[in-house]
PDB file of N, CA and C in Angstrom:
ATOM      1  N   UNK A   1      24.952  10.120  -5.004  1.00  0.00           N
ATOM      2  CA  UNK A   1      23.551   9.879  -5.299  1.00  0.00           C
ATOM      3  C   UNK A   1      22.693  10.866  -4.519  1.00  0.00           C
ATOM      4  N   UNK A   2      21.606  11.276  -5.128  1.00  0.00           N
ATOM      5  CA  UNK A   2      20.714  12.252  -4.525  1.00  0.00           C
ATOM      6  C   UNK A   2      19.927  11.625  -3.379  1.00  0.00           C
ATOM      7  N   UNK A   3      19.873  12.348  -2.259  1.00  0.00           N
ATOM      8  CA  UNK A   3      19.131  11.874  -1.106  1.00  0.00           C
ATOM      9  C   UNK A   3      17.652  12.194  -1.268  1.00  0.00           C
ATOM     10  N   UNK A   4      16.788  11.266  -0.839  1.00  0.00           N
ATOM     11  CA  UNK A   4      15.353  11.475  -0.937  1.00  0.00           C
ATOM     12  C   UNK A   4      14.899  12.498   0.096  1.00  0.00           C
ATOM     13  N   UNK A   5      14.042  13.429  -0.343  1.00  0.00           N
ATOM     14  CA  UNK A   5      13.553  14.494   0.528  1.00  0.00           C
ATOM     15  C   UNK A   5      12.554  13.942   1.545  1.00  0.00           C
ATOM     16  N   UNK A   6      12.663  14.386   2.775  1.00  0.00           N
ATOM     17  CA  UNK A   6      11.749  13.995   3.839  1.00  0.00           C
ATOM     18  C   UNK A   6      10.488  14.847   3.738  1.00  0.00           C
ATOM     19  N   UNK A   7       9.332  14.200   3.533  1.00  0.00           N
ATOM     20  CA  UNK A   7       8.065  14.916   3.359  1.00  0.00           C
ATOM     21  C   UNK A   7       7.312  14.903   4.685  1.00  0.00           C
ATOM     22  N   UNK A   8       7.027  16.089   5.207  1.00  0.00           N
ATOM     23  CA  UNK A   8       6.340  16.225   6.490  1.00  0.00           C
ATOM     24  C   UNK A   8       4.966  16.853   6.295  1.00  0.00           C
ATOM     25  N   UNK A   9       4.008  16.394   7.089  1.00  0.00           N
ATOM     26  CA  UNK A   9       2.661  16.937   7.084  1.00  0.00           C
ATOM     27  C   UNK A   9       2.183  17.023   8.534  1.00  0.00           C
ATOM     28  N   UNK A  10       1.149  17.827   8.783  1.00  0.00           N
ATOM     29  CA  UNK A  10       0.604  18.012  10.127  1.00  0.00           C
ATOM     30  C   UNK A  10      -0.715  17.273  10.274  1.00  0.00           C
ATOM     31  N   UNK A  11      -0.840  16.515  11.351  1.00  0.00           N
ATOM     32  CA  UNK A  11      -2.087  15.807  11.668  1.00  0.00           C
ATOM     33  C   UNK A  11      -3.119  16.844  12.116  1.00  0.00           C
ATOM     34  N   UNK A  12      -4.341  16.764  11.564  1.00  0.00           N
ATOM     35  CA  UNK A  12      -5.372  17.759  11.896  1.00  0.00           C
ATOM     36  C   UNK A  12      -5.910  17.598  13.318  1.00  0.00           C
ATOM     37  N   UNK A  13      -5.799  16.409  13.896  1.00  0.00           N
ATOM     38  CA  UNK A  13      -6.341  16.185  15.238  1.00  0.00           C
ATOM     39  C   UNK A  13      -5.319  16.510  16.330  1.00  0.00           C
ATOM     40  N   UNK A  14      -4.091  15.995  16.184  1.00  0.00           N
ATOM     41  CA  UNK A  14      -3.093  16.168  17.237  1.00  0.00           C
ATOM     42  C   UNK A  14      -2.166  17.348  16.998  1.00  0.00           C
ATOM     43  N   UNK A  15      -2.211  17.952  15.780  1.00  0.00           N
ATOM     44  CA  UNK A  15      -1.342  19.063  15.374  1.00  0.00           C
ATOM     45  C   UNK A  15       0.135  18.666  15.417  1.00  0.00           C
ATOM     46  N   UNK A  16       0.411  17.361  15.359  1.00  0.00           N
ATOM     47  CA  UNK A  16       1.770  16.839  15.390  1.00  0.00           C
ATOM     48  C   UNK A  16       2.314  16.749  13.964  1.00  0.00           C
ATOM     49  N   UNK A  17       3.554  17.153  13.760  1.00  0.00           N
ATOM     50  CA  UNK A  17       4.182  17.066  12.444  1.00  0.00           C
ATOM     51  C   UNK A  17       4.821  15.691  12.322  1.00  0.00           C
ATOM     52  N   UNK A  18       4.420  14.944  11.276  1.00  0.00           N
ATOM     53  CA  UNK A  18       4.895  13.579  11.063  1.00  0.00           C
ATOM     54  C   UNK A  18       5.304  13.403   9.606  1.00  0.00           C
ATOM     55  N   UNK A  19       6.012  12.310   9.360  1.00  0.00           N
ATOM     56  CA  UNK A  19       6.310  11.964   7.985  1.00  0.00           C
ATOM     57  C   UNK A  19       5.016  11.577   7.284  1.00  0.00           C
ATOM     58  N   UNK A  20       4.937  11.858   5.993  1.00  0.00           N
ATOM     59  CA  UNK A  20       3.718  11.601   5.223  1.00  0.00           C
ATOM     60  C   UNK A  20       3.323  10.128   5.261  1.00  0.00           C
ATOM     61  N   UNK A  21       4.302   9.233   5.306  1.00  0.00           N
ATOM     62  CA  UNK A  21       4.013   7.789   5.317  1.00  0.00           C
ATOM     63  C   UNK A  21       3.350   7.327   6.616  1.00  0.00           C
ATOM     64  N   UNK A  22       3.439   8.117   7.674  1.00  0.00           N
ATOM     65  CA  UNK A  22       2.839   7.767   8.963  1.00  0.00           C
ATOM     66  C   UNK A  22       1.432   8.334   9.133  1.00  0.00           C
ATOM     67  N   UNK A  23       0.866   8.909   8.060  1.00  0.00           N
ATOM     68  CA  UNK A  23      -0.432   9.561   8.123  1.00  0.00           C
ATOM     69  C   UNK A  23      -1.377   9.014   7.062  1.00  0.00           C
ATOM     70  N   UNK A  24      -2.670   9.062   7.374  1.00  0.00           N
ATOM     71  CA  UNK A  24      -3.708   8.791   6.379  1.00  0.00           C
ATOM     72  C   UNK A  24      -4.056  10.116   5.716  1.00  0.00           C
ATOM     73  N   UNK A  25      -4.382  10.082   4.415  1.00  0.00           N
ATOM     74  CA  UNK A  25      -4.879  11.282   3.732  1.00  0.00           C
ATOM     75  C   UNK A  25      -6.362  11.079   3.459  1.00  0.00           C
ATOM     76  N   UNK A  26      -7.172  11.989   3.931  1.00  0.00           N
ATOM     77  CA  UNK A  26      -8.611  11.957   3.701  1.00  0.00           C
ATOM     78  C   UNK A  26      -8.919  13.133   2.773  1.00  0.00           C
ATOM     79  N   UNK A  27      -9.699  12.876   1.720  1.00  0.00           N
ATOM     80  CA  UNK A  27      -9.914  13.860   0.666  1.00  0.00           C
ATOM     81  C   UNK A  27     -11.387  14.174   0.488  1.00  0.00           C
ATOM     82  N   UNK A  28     -11.682  15.477   0.288  1.00  0.00           N
ATOM     83  CA  UNK A  28     -13.002  15.900  -0.181  1.00  0.00           C
ATOM     84  C   UNK A  28     -12.846  16.169  -1.670  1.00  0.00           C
ATOM     85  N   UNK A  29     -13.498  15.351  -2.475  1.00  0.00           N
ATOM     86  CA  UNK A  29     -13.371  15.467  -3.922  1.00  0.00           C
ATOM     87  C   UNK A  29     -14.167  16.668  -4.436  1.00  0.00           C
ATOM     88  N   UNK A  30     -13.917  17.096  -5.680  1.00  0.00           N
ATOM     89  CA  UNK A  30     -14.699  18.196  -6.257  1.00  0.00           C
ATOM     90  C   UNK A  30     -16.201  17.901  -6.325  1.00  0.00           C
ATOM     91  N   UNK A  31     -16.567  16.608  -6.287  1.00  0.00           N
ATOM     92  CA  UNK A  31     -17.984  16.215  -6.297  1.00  0.00           C
ATOM     93  C   UNK A  31     -18.575  16.216  -4.882  1.00  0.00           C
ATOM     94  N   UNK A  32     -17.809  16.695  -3.890  1.00  0.00           N
ATOM     95  CA  UNK A  32     -18.221  16.782  -2.485  1.00  0.00           C
ATOM     96  C   UNK A  32     -18.494  15.417  -1.857  1.00  0.00           C
ATOM     97  N   UNK A  33     -17.668  14.435  -2.179  1.00  0.00           N
ATOM     98  CA  UNK A  33     -17.674  13.160  -1.480  1.00  0.00           C
ATOM     99  C   UNK A  33     -16.376  13.062  -0.689  1.00  0.00           C
ATOM    100  N   UNK A  34     -16.379  12.263   0.356  1.00  0.00           N
ATOM    101  CA  UNK A  34     -15.198  12.099   1.191  1.00  0.00           C
ATOM    102  C   UNK A  34     -14.692  10.678   1.013  1.00  0.00           C
ATOM    103  N   UNK A  35     -13.354  10.555   0.844  1.00  0.00           N
ATOM    104  CA  UNK A  35     -12.769   9.221   0.699  1.00  0.00           C
ATOM    105  C   UNK A  35     -11.378   9.194   1.306  1.00  0.00           C
ATOM    106  N   UNK A  36     -10.929   7.968   1.619  1.00  0.00           N
ATOM    107  CA  UNK A  36      -9.582   7.773   2.138  1.00  0.00           C
ATOM    108  C   UNK A  36      -8.666   7.550   0.941  1.00  0.00           C
ATOM    109  N   UNK A  37      -7.632   8.367   0.842  1.00  0.00           N
ATOM    110  CA  UNK A  37      -6.699   8.320  -0.281  1.00  0.00           C
ATOM    111  C   UNK A  37      -5.412   7.645   0.168  1.00  0.00           C
ATOM    112  N   UNK A  38      -5.277   6.356  -0.117  1.00  0.00           N
ATOM    113  CA  UNK A  38      -4.103   5.608   0.326  1.00  0.00           C
ATOM    114  C   UNK A  38      -2.864   5.919  -0.505  1.00  0.00           C
ATOM    115  N   UNK A  39      -3.041   6.291  -1.756  1.00  0.00           N
ATOM    116  CA  UNK A  39      -1.900   6.575  -2.628  1.00  0.00           C
ATOM    117  C   UNK A  39      -1.432   8.022  -2.539  1.00  0.00           C
ATOM    118  N   UNK A  40      -2.263   8.908  -2.000  1.00  0.00           N
ATOM    119  CA  UNK A  40      -1.885  10.301  -1.839  1.00  0.00           C
ATOM    120  C   UNK A  40      -1.928  11.104  -3.123  1.00  0.00           C
ATOM    121  N   UNK A  41      -2.683  10.643  -4.113  1.00  0.00           N
ATOM    122  CA  UNK A  41      -2.718  11.314  -5.414  1.00  0.00           C
ATOM    123  C   UNK A  41      -4.113  11.805  -5.813  1.00  0.00           C
ATOM    124  N   UNK A  42      -5.131  11.536  -5.011  1.00  0.00           N
ATOM    125  CA  UNK A  42      -6.500  11.883  -5.388  1.00  0.00           C
ATOM    126  C   UNK A  42      -6.670  13.402  -5.485  1.00  0.00           C
ATOM    127  N   UNK A  43      -7.509  13.816  -6.400  1.00  0.00           N
ATOM    128  CA  UNK A  43      -7.786  15.220  -6.625  1.00  0.00           C
ATOM    129  C   UNK A  43      -8.775  15.721  -5.577  1.00  0.00           C
ATOM    130  N   UNK A  44      -8.507  16.882  -5.001  1.00  0.00           N
ATOM    131  CA  UNK A  44      -9.418  17.474  -4.035  1.00  0.00           C
ATOM    132  C   UNK A  44      -8.688  18.010  -2.828  1.00  0.00           C
ATOM    133  N   UNK A  45      -9.461  18.526  -1.877  1.00  0.00           N
ATOM    134  CA  UNK A  45      -8.898  19.084  -0.643  1.00  0.00           C
ATOM    135  C   UNK A  45      -8.564  17.949   0.304  1.00  0.00           C
ATOM    136  N   UNK A  46      -7.337  17.918   0.785  1.00  0.00           N
ATOM    137  CA  UNK A  46      -6.892  16.826   1.642  1.00  0.00           C
ATOM    138  C   UNK A  46      -6.624  17.253   3.067  1.00  0.00           C
ATOM    139  N   UNK A  47      -6.734  16.291   3.962  1.00  0.00           N
ATOM    140  CA  UNK A  47      -6.387  16.483   5.366  1.00  0.00           C
ATOM    141  C   UNK A  47      -5.669  15.215   5.822  1.00  0.00           C
ATOM    142  N   UNK A  48      -4.729  15.378   6.718  1.00  0.00           N
ATOM    143  CA  UNK A  48      -3.934  14.240   7.176  1.00  0.00           C
ATOM    144  C   UNK A  48      -4.271  13.894   8.607  1.00  0.00           C
ATOM    145  N   UNK A  49      -4.279  12.578   8.874  1.00  0.00           N
ATOM    146  CA  UNK A  49      -4.620  12.060  10.194  1.00  0.00           C
ATOM    147  C   UNK A  49      -3.627  10.961  10.544  1.00  0.00           C
ATOM    148  N   UNK A  50      -3.044  11.050  11.730  1.00  0.00           N
ATOM    149  CA  UNK A  50      -2.034  10.085  12.161  1.00  0.00           C
ATOM    150  C   UNK A  50      -2.626   8.679  12.237  1.00  0.00           C
ATOM    151  N   UNK A  51      -1.817   7.688  11.890  1.00  0.00           N
ATOM    152  CA  UNK A  51      -2.242   6.286  11.919  1.00  0.00           C
ATOM    153  C   UNK A  51      -2.190   5.780  13.362  1.00  0.00           C
ATOM    154  N   UNK A  52      -3.173   6.195  14.149  1.00  0.00           N
ATOM    155  CA  UNK A  52      -3.252   5.852  15.563  1.00  0.00           C
ATOM    156  C   UNK A  52      -4.727   5.809  15.965  1.00  0.00           C
ATOM    157  N   UNK A  53      -5.112   4.743  16.629  1.00  0.00           N
ATOM    158  CA  UNK A  53      -6.508   4.550  17.030  1.00  0.00           C
ATOM    159  C   UNK A  53      -7.014   5.708  17.899  1.00  0.00           C
ATOM    160  N   UNK A  54      -6.198   6.174  18.850  1.00  0.00           N
ATOM    161  CA  UNK A  54      -6.604   7.258  19.741  1.00  0.00           C
ATOM    162  C   UNK A  54      -6.792   8.575  18.979  1.00  0.00           C
ATOM    163  N   UNK A  55      -5.915   8.824  18.013  1.00  0.00           N
ATOM    164  CA  UNK A  55      -5.997  10.062  17.229  1.00  0.00           C
ATOM    165  C   UNK A  55      -7.244  10.053  16.349  1.00  0.00           C
ATOM    166  N   UNK A  56      -7.572   8.902  15.779  1.00  0.00           N
ATOM    167  CA  UNK A  56      -8.780   8.794  14.956  1.00  0.00           C
ATOM    168  C   UNK A  56     -10.015   9.048  15.819  1.00  0.00           C
ATOM    169  N   UNK A  57     -10.020   8.495  17.035  1.00  0.00           N
ATOM    170  CA  UNK A  57     -11.118   8.742  17.971  1.00  0.00           C
ATOM    171  C   UNK A  57     -11.223  10.209  18.358  1.00  0.00           C
ATOM    172  N   UNK A  58     -10.076  10.854  18.559  1.00  0.00           N
ATOM    173  CA  UNK A  58     -10.056  12.280  18.896  1.00  0.00           C
ATOM    174  C   UNK A  58     -10.596  13.120  17.737  1.00  0.00           C
ATOM    175  N   UNK A  59     -10.200  12.795  16.518  1.00  0.00           N
ATOM    176  CA  UNK A  59     -10.671  13.537  15.340  1.00  0.00           C
ATOM    177  C   UNK A  59     -12.185  13.400  15.186  1.00  0.00           C
ATOM    178  N   UNK A  60     -12.682  12.211  15.485  1.00  0.00           N
ATOM    179  CA  UNK A  60     -14.124  11.974  15.394  1.00  0.00           C
ATOM    180  C   UNK A  60     -14.866  12.782  16.467  1.00  0.00           C
ATOM    181  N   UNK A  61     -14.303  12.798  17.677  1.00  0.00           N
ATOM    182  CA  UNK A  61     -14.934  13.479  18.797  1.00  0.00           C
ATOM    183  C   UNK A  61     -14.976  14.995  18.599  1.00  0.00           C
ATOM    184  N   UNK A  62     -13.847  15.592  18.177  1.00  0.00           N
ATOM    185  CA  UNK A  62     -13.812  17.047  18.064  1.00  0.00           C
ATOM    186  C   UNK A  62     -14.073  17.558  16.645  1.00  0.00           C
ATOM    187  N   UNK A  63     -14.434  16.636  15.729  1.00  0.00           N
ATOM    188  CA  UNK A  63     -14.825  16.978  14.352  1.00  0.00           C
ATOM    189  C   UNK A  63     -13.737  17.768  13.606  1.00  0.00           C
ATOM    190  N   UNK A  64     -12.478  17.377  13.827  1.00  0.00           N
ATOM    191  CA  UNK A  64     -11.350  18.053  13.185  1.00  0.00           C
ATOM    192  C   UNK A  64     -11.402  17.904  11.671  1.00  0.00           C
ATOM    193  N   UNK A  65     -11.758  16.714  11.187  1.00  0.00           N
ATOM    194  CA  UNK A  65     -11.848  16.497   9.736  1.00  0.00           C
ATOM    195  C   UNK A  65     -12.995  17.306   9.130  1.00  0.00           C
ATOM    196  N   UNK A  66     -14.104  17.380   9.837  1.00  0.00           N
ATOM    197  CA  UNK A  66     -15.253  18.152   9.339  1.00  0.00           C
ATOM    198  C   UNK A  66     -14.859  19.615   9.101  1.00  0.00           C
ATOM    199  N   UNK A  67     -14.123  20.180  10.058  1.00  0.00           N
ATOM    200  CA  UNK A  67     -13.710  21.587   9.935  1.00  0.00           C
ATOM    201  C   UNK A  67     -12.691  21.772   8.811  1.00  0.00           C
ATOM    202  N   UNK A  68     -11.726  20.883   8.732  1.00  0.00           N
ATOM    203  CA  UNK A  68     -10.663  21.030   7.730  1.00  0.00           C
ATOM    204  C   UNK A  68     -11.188  20.836   6.310  1.00  0.00           C
ATOM    205  N   UNK A  69     -12.051  19.834   6.119  1.00  0.00           N
ATOM    206  CA  UNK A  69     -12.564  19.534   4.782  1.00  0.00           C
ATOM    207  C   UNK A  69     -13.810  20.347   4.436  1.00  0.00           C
ATOM    208  N   UNK A  70     -14.357  21.054   5.416  1.00  0.00           N
ATOM    209  CA  UNK A  70     -15.546  21.895   5.232  1.00  0.00           C
ATOM    210  C   UNK A  70     -16.751  21.097   4.717  1.00  0.00           C
ATOM    211  N   UNK A  71     -16.887  19.879   5.239  1.00  0.00           N
ATOM    212  CA  UNK A  71     -18.011  19.007   4.887  1.00  0.00           C
ATOM    213  C   UNK A  71     -18.164  18.000   6.032  1.00  0.00           C
ATOM    214  N   UNK A  72     -19.373  17.474   6.223  1.00  0.00           N
ATOM    215  CA  UNK A  72     -19.586  16.472   7.266  1.00  0.00           C
ATOM    216  C   UNK A  72     -19.003  15.138   6.818  1.00  0.00           C
ATOM    217  N   UNK A  73     -18.075  14.604   7.613  1.00  0.00           N
ATOM    218  CA  UNK A  73     -17.415  13.338   7.283  1.00  0.00           C
ATOM    219  C   UNK A  73     -18.284  12.185   7.787  1.00  0.00           C
ATOM    220  N   UNK A  74     -18.647  11.250   6.899  1.00  0.00           N
ATOM    221  CA  UNK A  74     -19.500  10.128   7.312  1.00  0.00           C
ATOM    222  C   UNK A  74     -18.808   9.199   8.319  1.00  0.00           C
ATOM    223  N   UNK A  75     -19.621   8.554   9.135  1.00  0.00           N
ATOM    224  CA  UNK A  75     -19.142   7.590  10.132  1.00  0.00           C
ATOM    225  C   UNK A  75     -18.337   6.473   9.467  1.00  0.00           C
ATOM    226  N   UNK A  76     -18.709   6.090   8.255  1.00  0.00           N
ATOM    227  CA  UNK A  76     -18.040   4.994   7.539  1.00  0.00           C
ATOM    228  C   UNK A  76     -16.565   5.287   7.283  1.00  0.00           C
ATOM    229  N   UNK A  77     -16.201   6.536   7.130  1.00  0.00           N
ATOM    230  CA  UNK A  77     -14.798   6.908   6.895  1.00  0.00           C
ATOM    231  C   UNK A  77     -13.956   6.568   8.123  1.00  0.00           C
ATOM    232  N   UNK A  78     -14.470   6.882   9.315  1.00  0.00           N
ATOM    233  CA  UNK A  78     -13.738   6.562  10.549  1.00  0.00           C
ATOM    234  C   UNK A  78     -13.606   5.050  10.725  1.00  0.00           C
ATOM    235  N   UNK A  79     -14.661   4.310  10.396  1.00  0.00           N
ATOM    236  CA  UNK A  79     -14.612   2.848  10.479  1.00  0.00           C
ATOM    237  C   UNK A  79     -13.597   2.286   9.483  1.00  0.00           C
ATOM    238  N   UNK A  80     -13.555   2.873   8.282  1.00  0.00           N
ATOM    239  CA  UNK A  80     -12.597   2.439   7.266  1.00  0.00           C
ATOM    240  C   UNK A  80     -11.160   2.688   7.744  1.00  0.00           C
ATOM    241  N   UNK A  81     -10.912   3.831   8.362  1.00  0.00           N
ATOM    242  CA  UNK A  81      -9.577   4.146   8.884  1.00  0.00           C
ATOM    243  C   UNK A  81      -9.160   3.160   9.967  1.00  0.00           C
ATOM    244  N   UNK A  82     -10.091   2.847  10.873  1.00  0.00           N
ATOM    245  CA  UNK A  82      -9.794   1.879  11.930  1.00  0.00           C
ATOM    246  C   UNK A  82      -9.533   0.490  11.335  1.00  0.00           C
ATOM    247  N   UNK A  83     -10.242   0.163  10.265  1.00  0.00           N
ATOM    248  CA  UNK A  83     -10.032  -1.129   9.592  1.00  0.00           C
ATOM    249  C   UNK A  83      -8.644  -1.233   8.997  1.00  0.00           C
ATOM    250  N   UNK A  84      -8.101  -0.154   8.484  1.00  0.00           N
ATOM    251  CA  UNK A  84      -6.750  -0.168   7.912  1.00  0.00           C
ATOM    252  C   UNK A  84      -5.680  -0.371   8.974  1.00  0.00           C
ATOM    253  N   UNK A  85      -5.976  -0.030  10.233  1.00  0.00           N
ATOM    254  CA  UNK A  85      -5.008  -0.201  11.303  1.00  0.00           C
ATOM    255  C   UNK A  85      -4.836  -1.653  11.729  1.00  0.00           C
ATOM    256  N   UNK A  86      -5.826  -2.478  11.423  1.00  0.00           N
ATOM    257  CA  UNK A  86      -5.764  -3.881  11.853  1.00  0.00           C
ATOM    258  C   UNK A  86      -5.147  -4.778  10.829  1.00  0.00           C
TER     259      UNK A  86
END
């Protein structure tokens, strides 16, 4: 039987390489809105962030998502990410 391929992505805040399932995907859509993509299929430019409260705080502090997505990420996105951790 064929073995499933291990999918790795890099967290934009910690620069750590993790499995895709251990990361959140945040997307800037073609309409220039930002959303959290839980299924990993949304159309647009994506950035990955580790599922860790400290990493989310670090990304917010150093604006890693803003630079990667080339748009200002709203405060509500960070709150939504923290909500998914609980």
